[in-house]
Amino acid sequence: MTVTRGGGHKGHLGRVMVVDDDASMRRACGRLLATEGWIVVQAEHGRAAVDAMQEGREHFDCVVSDVNMPELDGFGLIKEIRRLDDDLPILLMTGDPSLDGAVRAIDTGALSYIAKPFDQETLASAVARAARRHGVARMRRRAETFAREMLGPKEGDRKEIETCFERALESTWMAFQPIVDYRRKTIYAYEALVRCDEPTMKRPDVLIATAERLDRVHDLGRTIRRAVAKVAPTIPSEILLFVNVHGLELLDEDLFSERGPFAELASRIVLEITERIGLDSVAGPSRVAMLRRLGYRIAVDDLGAGYAALGALATLEPDIVKLDMSLIRDIDRHKAKRRVVGAIATLVHELGGRTVAEGVETTAERDALLDVNMPELDGFGLIKEIRRLDDD
C-alpha cells in the first residue's frame, strides 16, 4: 500500500483511494491528485483496497478504480464498498469504454465512468465534484443516524425524539464568533452559532437534522432569534450580528413580524441563508426582498463549496458573500486559489456586496487575502491578534 502526498499541500483537500493493477497508471493518478492537494492511498487490486478501508481509521472522500483487475474487479469492488459505506463516491476508469459498461457501472453504484486516456483536469474535476457530494451526504447521514443512536433502542419513537428536542430548545444558547476587518483592526461583526446542553443534540448538525426530521425548523429558528435578541444589547450597536436562517424559515411569518424578536434589531442583523437546497427559485428571492424592505441584510455562505452557493449569488443578490474555507485554506501556497478568490471578490464588490473569508487561521492566509482585497475575515486564529492590537 502506497500513500502519496502533494509537496507542501499537506493533503488539505482530503483522502482518495486509487485502485489499479497497472502500477504506472496507479502512480500517475496518485501524483496527479497529490499535486491537486489530495492524500492518495494506492492499492493494486480491489481486494487490497477493501482490506485497507477495513483496517484504516481515517475515512476516504472518493475512490478511483480501474474496471479490469485480478482478485476483485471494479464492479466487485463497488459491491464490497457499499457494504461498508453507502455514500462513498466511486469513479470507475477503463481503457475500453462501452455503453453497456457505463450502464452497468451506474447500476452497480458507481458515481461516474471515466474513459482512459484522460487529462489531468478531467480526473481532478471528477474527484473534486465527487468529494463535495460525499461531504454533504456524509454530514446529513451522520447527523441523522447520530441522533437516532443516541436515543437508544427506541430509535423510531417520535415521542422520545420530540422530548429530547424540547430539552434542546429549552437549553439553547449562542456562541459568538468574531468577524474582523483586519485593515481597520476592529471587530466588524459576530456570527451567532447555535449550541444546546441536551446530550443527544450537542452537535449543531444533529440539532438541525432533528428539527428537519420533526418538521420543527420554525421552532428552532424562533428559539435562536430569541436567544440572539437577548444577548444583542450587550454587544456594541455598531457591530453587526450574523444569524443563520434555514431556507425553510423563509416561510415562517414570525420572521417577518413587526412583533418578532428581531423587529427592532433589523438594521444590524445579517441573515445568513443556509440549507438552500430545495429553496423555491421564485418564492425564495421574493421573500428575501421582503426581508430587505424590513431592514435586514442578506448573506450567503459556502461560496466555493459547490454550485448551489454560486446560484444563490445570482438569485438572492446577497449583500454579503462568505467564501468557503476550502478556497481559503493554504491560499498563500496556491496561485490559482488567489486568482479565483480575487476574481470572486472583484465580482461581488462590483455588484455592490461585501466578502468575508471563512476559517482564516494563519497570518500567511491573512496576508494573501489582504493582497486580493479581502480584509474581512473570520477565524479564531486572528481574533487574539486583533485584541492584542486593540490593547496597545
Protein backbone atom coordinates (compact mmCIF):
# COMPACT_ATOMS: atom_id res chain seq x y z
CA MET A 1 0.00 0.00 0.00
CA THR A 2 1.44 3.36 -1.06
CA VAL A 3 0.48 6.78 0.31
CA THR A 4 1.21 9.84 -1.85
CA ARG A 5 1.11 13.41 -0.56
CA GLY A 6 1.44 16.60 -2.55
CA GLY A 7 4.57 18.61 -1.90
CA GLY A 8 3.66 21.38 0.54
CA HIS A 9 -0.11 20.87 0.20
CA LYS A 10 -0.46 18.65 3.28
CA GLY A 11 -3.45 16.81 1.80
CA HIS A 12 -5.69 19.76 2.56
CA LEU A 13 -8.49 18.51 0.31
CA GLY A 14 -8.92 15.05 1.86
CA ARG A 15 -8.15 11.39 1.10
CA VAL A 16 -8.60 9.47 -2.16
CA MET A 17 -8.09 5.75 -2.86
CA VAL A 18 -6.70 4.90 -6.31
CA VAL A 19 -7.08 1.23 -7.32
CA ASP A 20 -5.41 -0.15 -10.45
CA ASP A 21 -3.30 -3.24 -11.21
CA ASP A 22 -1.30 -1.17 -13.69
CA ALA A 23 1.44 0.27 -11.48
CA SER A 24 2.36 3.07 -13.87
CA MET A 25 -1.25 4.24 -14.17
CA ARG A 26 -1.72 3.96 -10.41
CA ARG A 27 1.36 6.06 -9.71
CA ALA A 28 0.43 8.62 -12.37
CA CYS A 29 -3.03 9.12 -10.87
CA GLY A 30 -1.51 9.30 -7.41
CA ARG A 31 0.97 12.01 -8.41
CA LEU A 32 -1.69 13.97 -10.29
CA LEU A 33 -4.16 14.00 -7.40
CA ALA A 34 -1.43 14.69 -4.85
CA THR A 35 -0.44 17.74 -6.88
CA GLU A 36 -4.04 18.94 -6.58
CA GLY A 37 -3.82 18.63 -2.80
CA TRP A 38 -5.20 15.16 -2.00
CA ILE A 39 -3.65 12.47 0.18
CA VAL A 40 -3.71 9.44 -2.13
CA VAL A 41 -3.66 5.82 -0.97
CA GLN A 42 -2.84 3.37 -3.77
CA ALA A 43 -3.99 -0.26 -3.99
CA GLU A 44 -3.04 -2.80 -6.67
CA HIS A 45 -6.45 -4.52 -6.84
CA GLY A 46 -9.92 -4.42 -5.34
CA ARG A 47 -9.25 -6.85 -2.50
CA ALA A 48 -6.29 -4.80 -1.29
CA ALA A 49 -8.47 -1.67 -1.40
CA VAL A 50 -11.22 -3.27 0.69
CA ASP A 51 -8.67 -4.54 3.23
CA ALA A 52 -7.18 -1.05 3.51
CA MET A 53 -10.60 0.50 4.09
CA GLN A 54 -11.50 -2.05 6.75
CA GLU A 55 -8.19 -1.68 8.57
CA GLY A 56 -7.81 2.07 8.32
CA ARG A 57 -9.14 4.52 10.87
CA GLU A 58 -9.50 7.52 8.54
CA HIS A 59 -12.31 7.86 6.05
CA PHE A 60 -11.91 8.38 2.32
CA ASP A 61 -13.60 11.12 0.30
CA CYS A 62 -13.53 9.27 -3.04
CA VAL A 63 -12.39 6.02 -4.68
CA VAL A 64 -10.99 5.94 -8.23
CA SER A 65 -10.78 2.39 -9.60
CA ASP A 66 -9.94 0.54 -12.77
CA VAL A 67 -12.56 -1.93 -14.02
CA ASN A 68 -10.50 -4.95 -15.09
CA MET A 69 -8.30 -6.21 -12.22
CA PRO A 70 -7.34 -9.57 -10.74
CA GLU A 71 -8.83 -10.90 -7.48
CA LEU A 72 -11.61 -8.31 -7.33
CA ASP A 73 -12.57 -6.17 -10.32
CA GLY A 74 -14.09 -2.70 -10.26
CA PHE A 75 -17.69 -3.91 -10.18
CA GLY A 76 -16.93 -6.31 -7.34
CA LEU A 77 -15.14 -3.52 -5.51
CA ILE A 78 -18.24 -1.33 -5.68
CA LYS A 79 -20.36 -4.05 -4.09
CA GLU A 80 -17.83 -4.55 -1.28
CA ILE A 81 -17.56 -0.81 -0.62
CA ARG A 82 -21.34 -0.45 -0.49
CA ARG A 83 -21.36 -2.96 2.37
CA LEU A 84 -19.05 -0.59 4.26
CA ASP A 85 -20.26 2.84 3.15
CA ASP A 86 -23.48 3.75 1.35
CA ASP A 87 -22.30 7.24 0.42
CA LEU A 88 -18.64 6.96 -0.62
CA PRO A 89 -18.39 8.06 -4.29
CA ILE A 90 -16.67 5.63 -6.68
CA LEU A 91 -15.32 6.64 -10.07
CA LEU A 92 -14.59 3.79 -12.50
CA MET A 93 -11.96 4.23 -15.21
CA THR A 94 -11.38 1.95 -18.18
CA GLY A 95 -9.44 1.85 -21.43
CA ASP A 96 -12.28 0.03 -23.18
CA PRO A 97 -15.39 2.14 -22.64
CA SER A 98 -18.77 0.97 -23.86
CA LEU A 99 -22.38 1.90 -23.28
CA ASP A 100 -23.06 -1.44 -21.61
CA GLY A 101 -20.12 -0.92 -19.28
CA ALA A 102 -21.24 2.59 -18.35
CA VAL A 103 -24.78 1.41 -17.64
CA ARG A 104 -23.50 -1.46 -15.52
CA ALA A 105 -21.21 0.88 -13.61
CA ILE A 106 -24.05 3.24 -12.71
CA ASP A 107 -26.42 0.37 -11.90
CA THR A 108 -23.81 -1.18 -9.62
CA GLY A 109 -23.38 2.04 -7.70
CA ALA A 110 -20.58 3.99 -9.35
CA LEU A 111 -20.94 7.75 -9.45
CA SER A 112 -19.24 8.17 -12.83
CA TYR A 113 -17.39 6.30 -15.59
CA ILE A 114 -14.12 7.79 -16.94
CA ALA A 115 -12.59 6.65 -20.23
CA LYS A 116 -8.81 6.28 -20.50
CA PRO A 117 -6.78 8.12 -21.53
CA PHE A 118 -7.88 11.25 -19.70
CA ASP A 119 -6.16 14.54 -18.95
CA GLN A 120 -5.34 15.97 -15.53
CA GLU A 121 -8.26 18.39 -15.50
CA THR A 122 -10.79 15.64 -16.25
CA LEU A 123 -9.69 13.45 -13.35
CA ALA A 124 -9.13 16.32 -10.91
CA SER A 125 -12.56 17.82 -11.64
CA ALA A 126 -14.33 14.47 -11.36
CA VAL A 127 -12.73 13.73 -7.98
CA ALA A 128 -13.44 17.23 -6.65
CA ARG A 129 -17.12 17.03 -7.64
CA ALA A 130 -17.48 13.55 -6.19
CA ALA A 131 -15.84 14.52 -2.89
CA ARG A 132 -18.09 17.56 -2.49
CA ARG A 133 -21.19 15.41 -2.95
CA HIS A 134 -19.83 12.88 -0.49
CA GLY A 135 -19.17 15.57 2.11
CA VAL A 136 -22.78 16.75 2.02
CA ALA A 137 -24.23 13.23 2.06
CA ARG A 138 -21.94 12.08 4.87
CA MET A 139 -22.79 15.08 7.04
CA ARG A 140 -26.51 14.52 6.57
CA ARG A 141 -26.39 10.79 7.21
CA ARG A 142 -24.09 11.15 10.20
CA ALA A 143 -26.30 13.80 11.78
CA GLU A 144 -29.47 11.76 11.34
CA THR A 145 -28.03 8.42 12.48
CA PHE A 146 -26.15 10.01 15.37
CA ALA A 147 -29.37 11.43 16.77
CA ARG A 148 -31.14 8.08 16.47
CA GLU A 149 -28.25 6.13 18.01
CA MET A 150 -28.03 8.46 20.99
CA LEU A 151 -31.74 7.97 21.63
CA GLY A 152 -31.19 4.27 22.40
CA PRO A 153 -33.21 1.24 21.35
CA LYS A 154 -36.43 3.20 20.63
CA GLU A 155 -34.86 4.95 17.69
CA GLY A 156 -38.13 5.03 15.79
CA ASP A 157 -40.05 6.51 18.67
CA ARG A 158 -41.04 10.01 17.57
CA LYS A 159 -42.24 10.97 21.05
CA GLU A 160 -38.85 10.24 22.58
CA ILE A 161 -37.10 12.25 19.86
CA GLU A 162 -39.53 15.12 20.43
CA THR A 163 -38.83 15.04 24.17
CA CYS A 164 -35.10 15.31 23.55
CA PHE A 165 -35.68 18.09 21.03
CA GLU A 166 -37.78 20.02 23.56
CA ARG A 167 -34.96 19.74 26.07
CA ALA A 168 -32.59 21.00 23.40
CA LEU A 169 -34.76 24.04 22.72
CA GLU A 170 -35.03 24.81 26.44
CA SER A 171 -31.25 24.70 26.86
CA THR A 172 -30.31 26.56 23.67
CA TRP A 173 -27.60 29.23 23.90
CA MET A 174 -25.47 31.08 21.40
CA ALA A 175 -21.71 31.19 20.83
CA PHE A 176 -20.45 34.29 19.02
CA GLN A 177 -17.56 34.01 16.58
CA PRO A 178 -15.90 37.29 15.60
CA ILE A 179 -15.58 38.56 12.04
CA VAL A 180 -12.81 41.13 11.81
CA ASP A 181 -11.96 43.96 9.46
CA TYR A 182 -8.24 43.44 9.58
CA ARG A 183 -7.23 46.69 7.89
CA ARG A 184 -9.16 48.70 10.46
CA LYS A 185 -8.06 46.32 13.25
CA THR A 186 -11.61 46.08 14.56
CA ILE A 187 -14.34 43.52 15.10
CA TYR A 188 -16.78 44.15 12.27
CA ALA A 189 -19.42 41.57 13.25
CA TYR A 190 -20.18 38.45 15.26
CA GLU A 191 -21.67 35.27 13.85
CA ALA A 192 -24.18 33.66 16.22
CA LEU A 193 -23.67 29.88 16.37
CA VAL A 194 -26.36 27.72 17.98
CA ARG A 195 -25.46 25.46 20.91
CA CYS A 196 -27.51 23.49 23.43
CA ASP A 197 -26.95 21.40 26.56
CA GLU A 198 -29.09 18.40 25.55
CA PRO A 199 -26.55 15.50 25.45
CA THR A 200 -28.06 13.84 22.36
CA MET A 201 -28.02 17.05 20.29
CA LYS A 202 -24.95 18.99 21.33
CA ARG A 203 -23.67 18.93 17.76
CA PRO A 204 -25.39 21.66 15.72
CA ASP A 205 -25.74 19.42 12.66
CA VAL A 206 -27.61 16.84 14.75
CA LEU A 207 -29.87 19.52 16.22
CA ILE A 208 -30.71 20.91 12.77
CA ALA A 209 -31.22 17.45 11.24
CA THR A 210 -33.60 16.59 14.07
CA ALA A 211 -35.55 19.81 13.53
CA GLU A 212 -35.89 18.89 9.85
CA ARG A 213 -36.96 15.34 10.69
CA LEU A 214 -39.63 16.54 13.12
CA ASP A 215 -40.75 19.35 10.82
CA ARG A 216 -39.82 21.87 13.53
CA VAL A 217 -37.34 24.07 11.72
CA HIS A 218 -39.51 27.09 12.50
CA ASP A 219 -39.46 26.32 16.24
CA LEU A 220 -35.69 26.07 16.24
CA GLY A 221 -35.35 29.30 14.26
CA ARG A 222 -37.62 31.19 16.65
CA THR A 223 -35.66 29.91 19.63
CA ILE A 224 -32.40 31.05 18.06
CA ARG A 225 -33.77 34.51 17.27
CA ARG A 226 -34.98 34.98 20.84
CA ALA A 227 -31.59 33.90 22.19
CA VAL A 228 -29.72 36.31 19.92
CA ALA A 229 -32.07 39.18 20.72
CA LYS A 230 -31.48 38.62 24.43
CA VAL A 231 -27.70 38.99 24.04
CA ALA A 232 -27.74 41.77 21.41
CA PRO A 233 -27.96 44.70 23.90
CA THR A 234 -24.64 43.62 25.46
CA ILE A 235 -22.83 43.98 22.10
CA PRO A 236 -21.91 47.48 20.81
CA SER A 237 -24.62 48.69 18.44
CA GLU A 238 -22.19 49.39 15.57
CA ILE A 239 -21.25 45.70 15.37
CA LEU A 240 -23.36 43.58 13.01
CA LEU A 241 -24.81 40.21 14.03
CA PHE A 242 -24.78 37.33 11.53
CA VAL A 243 -27.57 34.82 12.20
CA ASN A 244 -28.03 31.60 10.24
CA VAL A 245 -31.51 31.19 8.77
CA HIS A 246 -32.61 27.84 7.34
CA GLY A 247 -34.16 28.13 3.88
CA LEU A 248 -37.45 26.78 5.26
CA GLU A 249 -37.62 29.70 7.70
CA LEU A 250 -38.33 32.00 4.78
CA LEU A 251 -41.87 30.57 5.00
CA ASP A 252 -42.20 31.41 8.72
CA GLU A 253 -44.29 34.57 9.15
CA ASP A 254 -42.74 35.14 12.58
CA LEU A 255 -39.50 36.11 10.81
CA PHE A 256 -41.40 38.93 9.09
CA SER A 257 -43.49 40.01 12.06
CA GLU A 258 -43.19 43.54 13.45
CA ARG A 259 -43.57 41.99 16.92
CA GLY A 260 -40.81 39.42 16.40
CA PRO A 261 -37.61 39.47 18.49
CA PHE A 262 -35.57 40.88 15.58
CA ALA A 263 -38.00 43.63 14.59
CA GLU A 264 -36.11 46.40 16.38
CA LEU A 265 -32.70 44.92 15.54
CA ALA A 266 -33.17 44.55 11.78
CA SER A 267 -30.66 47.27 10.85
CA ARG A 268 -27.80 45.38 12.49
CA ILE A 269 -28.88 41.80 11.63
CA VAL A 270 -27.35 39.91 8.71
CA LEU A 271 -29.49 36.90 7.85
CA GLU A 272 -27.23 34.17 6.51
CA ILE A 273 -29.38 31.89 4.36
CA THR A 274 -28.29 28.27 4.84
CA GLU A 275 -29.70 24.92 3.66
CA ARG A 276 -30.70 26.44 0.32
CA ILE A 277 -31.18 23.09 -1.47
CA GLY A 278 -34.81 22.92 -2.50
CA LEU A 279 -35.35 26.65 -1.92
CA ASP A 280 -38.04 27.77 -4.36
CA SER A 281 -36.37 29.73 -7.14
CA VAL A 282 -39.31 32.16 -7.30
CA ALA A 283 -40.59 32.36 -3.72
CA GLY A 284 -37.06 32.45 -2.25
CA PRO A 285 -35.96 35.72 -3.90
CA SER A 286 -39.34 37.36 -3.26
CA ARG A 287 -39.21 36.51 0.46
CA VAL A 288 -35.65 37.76 0.62
CA ALA A 289 -36.78 41.03 -0.96
CA MET A 290 -39.41 41.37 1.78
CA LEU A 291 -36.73 40.91 4.45
CA ARG A 292 -34.63 43.62 2.82
CA ARG A 293 -37.57 46.02 2.97
CA LEU A 294 -37.74 45.32 6.71
CA GLY A 295 -34.12 46.46 7.04
CA TYR A 296 -32.22 43.17 7.13
CA ARG A 297 -29.03 42.47 5.21
CA ILE A 298 -28.71 39.13 3.42
CA ALA A 299 -25.65 36.86 3.26
CA VAL A 300 -24.92 33.53 1.60
CA ASP A 301 -22.23 31.17 2.79
CA ASP A 302 -20.01 28.43 1.35
CA LEU A 303 -19.26 30.17 -1.94
CA GLY A 304 -16.65 27.86 -3.43
CA ALA A 305 -18.06 24.65 -1.97
CA GLY A 306 -20.39 23.95 -4.90
CA TYR A 307 -22.76 25.31 -7.49
CA ALA A 308 -25.68 25.97 -5.08
CA ALA A 309 -23.93 28.93 -3.47
CA LEU A 310 -22.91 30.32 -6.86
CA GLY A 311 -26.54 30.11 -7.97
CA ALA A 312 -27.61 31.93 -4.80
CA LEU A 313 -25.28 34.79 -5.74
CA ALA A 314 -27.40 35.35 -8.84
CA THR A 315 -30.89 34.62 -7.47
CA LEU A 316 -30.69 36.12 -3.95
CA GLU A 317 -28.35 39.05 -4.76
CA PRO A 318 -26.77 38.95 -1.28
CA ASP A 319 -25.29 41.98 0.46
CA ILE A 320 -22.50 39.81 1.88
CA VAL A 321 -20.88 36.69 0.46
CA LYS A 322 -18.87 34.32 2.65
CA LEU A 323 -16.19 32.32 0.85
CA ASP A 324 -15.91 28.70 1.91
CA MET A 325 -12.79 27.66 3.81
CA SER A 326 -11.96 25.15 1.06
CA LEU A 327 -10.95 28.19 -1.01
CA ILE A 328 -9.21 29.88 1.91
CA ARG A 329 -7.15 27.00 3.31
CA ASP A 330 -3.48 27.36 2.27
CA ILE A 331 -4.38 30.15 -0.17
CA ASP A 332 -0.91 31.59 0.36
CA ARG A 333 0.53 28.46 -1.32
CA HIS A 334 -1.85 28.28 -4.27
CA LYS A 335 -1.63 30.87 -7.02
CA ALA A 336 -4.79 29.55 -8.67
CA LYS A 337 -6.77 29.95 -5.46
CA ARG A 338 -5.59 33.54 -5.08
CA ARG A 339 -6.70 34.32 -8.62
CA VAL A 340 -10.11 32.69 -8.10
CA VAL A 341 -10.70 34.40 -4.76
CA GLY A 342 -9.56 37.74 -6.15
CA ALA A 343 -11.94 37.39 -9.11
CA ILE A 344 -14.86 36.50 -6.82
CA ALA A 345 -14.10 39.44 -4.53
CA THR A 346 -13.98 41.81 -7.51
CA LEU A 347 -17.29 40.47 -8.87
CA VAL A 348 -19.06 40.77 -5.51
CA HIS A 349 -17.75 44.29 -4.96
CA GLU A 350 -18.86 45.32 -8.46
CA LEU A 351 -22.33 44.02 -7.60
CA GLY A 352 -22.33 46.23 -4.51
CA GLY A 353 -21.67 43.49 -1.95
CA ARG A 354 -19.01 42.65 0.61
CA THR A 355 -17.00 39.48 1.07
CA VAL A 356 -15.96 37.56 4.18
CA ALA A 357 -13.32 34.82 4.18
CA GLU A 358 -14.27 31.90 6.43
CA GLY A 359 -11.90 29.86 8.58
CA VAL A 360 -8.75 32.01 8.39
CA GLU A 361 -6.23 30.57 10.84
CA THR A 362 -2.74 31.71 9.81
CA THR A 363 -1.05 35.02 9.18
CA ALA A 364 0.07 33.75 5.77
CA GLU A 365 -3.54 33.12 4.75
CA ARG A 366 -4.49 36.53 6.14
CA ASP A 367 -1.79 38.32 4.15
CA ALA A 368 -2.73 36.53 0.94
CA LEU A 369 -6.35 37.59 1.40
CA LEU A 370 -5.36 41.20 2.05
CA ASP A 371 -3.40 41.11 -1.22
CA VAL A 372 -6.60 40.27 -3.13
CA ASN A 373 -8.62 42.98 -1.35
CA MET A 374 -10.40 40.78 1.21
CA PRO A 375 -9.86 42.40 4.64
CA GLU A 376 -12.98 40.97 6.32
CA LEU A 377 -12.11 37.62 7.84
CA ASP A 378 -13.39 35.13 10.37
CA GLY A 379 -11.36 32.57 12.27
CA PHE A 380 -10.34 32.14 15.87
CA GLY A 381 -6.68 32.26 14.85
CA LEU A 382 -6.94 36.02 14.15
CA ILE A 383 -9.08 37.43 16.94
CA LYS A 384 -6.31 37.15 19.53
CA GLU A 385 -4.07 39.31 17.39
CA ILE A 386 -6.81 41.90 16.87
CA ARG A 387 -7.42 42.10 20.59
CA ARG A 388 -3.72 42.49 21.33
CA LEU A 389 -3.54 45.41 18.91
CA ASP A 390 -6.62 46.99 20.49
CA ASP A 391 -4.99 46.74 23.92
CA ASP A 392 -1.83 48.55 22.81
